[in-house]
């Protein structure tokens, strides 16, 4: 039981939100896109579409990188927690089978019938 609780706790820790550094990049990217949309005629007339796209990519790349690493770690933690749960149940079934196999004494039941 403690192994299941520990593995689920580790999985929960990896499911927490992105760090503050990525939220700053996200704010800058949103500000850039908002200004670009509000002034789309100016951006288009000066031919700055590619510049805006490159700036936006530079702002969202740290978010992408942090999110990718976070999700890989989260997937590993989830896989580990599922593995622990599976192994605990496998161990319990194995131990139950061993107990049944080792206790082969005949016991008289409540209705007078002998059972194993």
Protein backbone atom coordinates (compact mmCIF):
# COMPACT_ATOMS: atom_id res chain seq x y z
CA UNK A 1 0.00 0.00 0.00
CA UNK A 2 2.75 2.55 0.78
CA UNK A 3 4.34 1.81 -2.63
CA UNK A 4 1.07 2.70 -4.38
CA UNK A 5 0.72 5.92 -2.38
CA UNK A 6 4.33 6.91 -3.08
CA UNK A 7 4.07 6.22 -6.81
CA UNK A 8 0.82 8.22 -7.07
CA UNK A 9 2.41 11.10 -5.13
CA UNK A 10 5.35 11.17 -7.56
CA UNK A 11 2.92 11.17 -10.48
CA UNK A 12 0.98 14.04 -8.94
CA UNK A 13 4.12 16.13 -8.51
CA UNK A 14 4.85 15.86 -12.23
CA UNK A 15 1.31 16.92 -13.14
CA UNK A 16 1.69 20.40 -11.66
CA UNK A 17 1.64 23.44 -13.95
CA UNK A 18 4.40 25.03 -15.98
CA UNK A 19 7.01 27.18 -14.26
CA UNK A 20 6.91 30.96 -13.99
CA UNK A 21 9.56 31.46 -16.70
CA UNK A 22 7.28 30.00 -19.34
CA UNK A 23 4.36 32.15 -18.21
CA UNK A 24 6.51 35.26 -18.84
CA UNK A 25 7.26 34.04 -22.38
CA UNK A 26 3.58 33.32 -22.85
CA UNK A 27 2.66 36.87 -21.79
CA UNK A 28 5.17 38.34 -24.24
CA UNK A 29 3.88 36.14 -27.06
CA UNK A 30 0.28 37.12 -26.33
CA UNK A 31 1.23 40.78 -26.25
CA UNK A 32 3.03 40.50 -29.58
CA UNK A 33 0.09 38.73 -31.24
CA UNK A 34 -2.41 41.19 -29.77
CA UNK A 35 -0.45 44.17 -31.07
CA UNK A 36 0.00 42.51 -34.46
CA UNK A 37 -3.71 41.85 -34.82
CA UNK A 38 -4.67 45.36 -33.72
CA UNK A 39 -2.21 46.89 -36.20
CA UNK A 40 -2.48 44.32 -38.99
CA UNK A 41 -2.66 46.96 -41.72
CA UNK A 42 0.63 48.52 -40.58
CA UNK A 43 2.33 45.14 -40.30
CA UNK A 44 1.15 44.18 -43.77
CA UNK A 45 2.05 47.49 -45.38
CA UNK A 46 5.63 47.32 -44.12
CA UNK A 47 5.92 43.61 -44.94
CA UNK A 48 6.78 42.56 -41.40
CA UNK A 49 4.78 39.33 -41.35
CA UNK A 50 7.86 37.10 -41.29
CA UNK A 51 9.47 39.21 -38.58
CA UNK A 52 6.37 38.87 -36.40
CA UNK A 53 6.25 35.11 -36.99
CA UNK A 54 9.94 34.71 -36.07
CA UNK A 55 9.53 36.78 -32.92
CA UNK A 56 6.48 34.72 -31.97
CA UNK A 57 8.41 31.50 -32.51
CA UNK A 58 11.24 32.78 -30.32
CA UNK A 59 8.73 33.53 -27.55
CA UNK A 60 6.90 30.21 -27.66
CA UNK A 61 9.93 27.95 -28.11
CA UNK A 62 10.80 27.95 -24.36
CA UNK A 63 7.16 27.08 -23.59
CA UNK A 64 7.28 24.25 -26.11
CA UNK A 65 10.58 22.93 -24.77
CA UNK A 66 9.49 23.09 -21.11
CA UNK A 67 6.13 21.51 -21.93
CA UNK A 68 7.72 18.69 -23.88
CA UNK A 69 10.14 17.85 -21.06
CA UNK A 70 7.34 18.12 -18.50
CA UNK A 71 5.10 15.76 -20.44
CA UNK A 72 7.84 13.21 -20.98
CA UNK A 73 8.56 13.19 -17.23
CA UNK A 74 4.83 13.00 -16.52
CA UNK A 75 4.46 10.01 -18.83
CA UNK A 76 7.37 8.22 -17.19
CA UNK A 77 5.93 8.90 -13.73
CA UNK A 78 2.48 7.66 -14.79
CA UNK A 79 3.99 4.52 -16.30
CA UNK A 80 5.97 3.90 -13.12
CA UNK A 81 2.89 4.34 -10.92
CA UNK A 82 0.90 1.91 -13.09
CA UNK A 83 3.79 -0.56 -12.97
CA UNK A 84 3.89 -0.38 -9.16
CA UNK A 85 0.13 -0.95 -8.90
CA UNK A 86 0.36 -3.93 -11.28
CA UNK A 87 3.28 -5.44 -9.35
CA UNK A 88 1.55 -5.02 -5.97
CA UNK A 89 -1.53 -6.83 -7.26
CA UNK A 90 0.62 -9.53 -8.87
CA UNK A 91 2.47 -10.04 -5.59
CA UNK A 92 -0.81 -10.25 -3.67
CA UNK A 93 -2.24 -12.84 -6.07
CA UNK A 94 0.99 -14.84 -5.91
CA UNK A 95 1.03 -14.72 -2.09
CA UNK A 96 -2.64 -15.72 -1.95
CA UNK A 97 -2.00 -18.69 -4.23
CA UNK A 98 0.99 -19.73 -2.15
CA UNK A 99 -1.05 -19.55 1.08
CA UNK A 100 -3.83 -21.64 -0.46
CA UNK A 101 -1.33 -24.20 -1.77
CA UNK A 102 0.55 -24.51 1.54
CA UNK A 103 -2.50 -24.83 3.77
CA UNK A 104 -3.86 -28.13 2.48
CA UNK A 105 -5.44 -29.17 5.77
CA UNK A 106 -9.03 -30.27 5.63
CA UNK A 107 -11.29 -28.10 7.75
CA UNK A 108 -14.85 -29.03 8.70
CA UNK A 109 -17.25 -26.35 7.54
CA UNK A 110 -20.31 -25.00 9.32
CA UNK A 111 -22.68 -27.45 7.59
CA UNK A 112 -20.58 -30.52 8.39
CA UNK A 113 -18.96 -30.78 4.93
CA UNK A 114 -15.19 -31.06 4.76
CA UNK A 115 -13.56 -28.37 2.68
CA UNK A 116 -9.99 -27.34 1.91
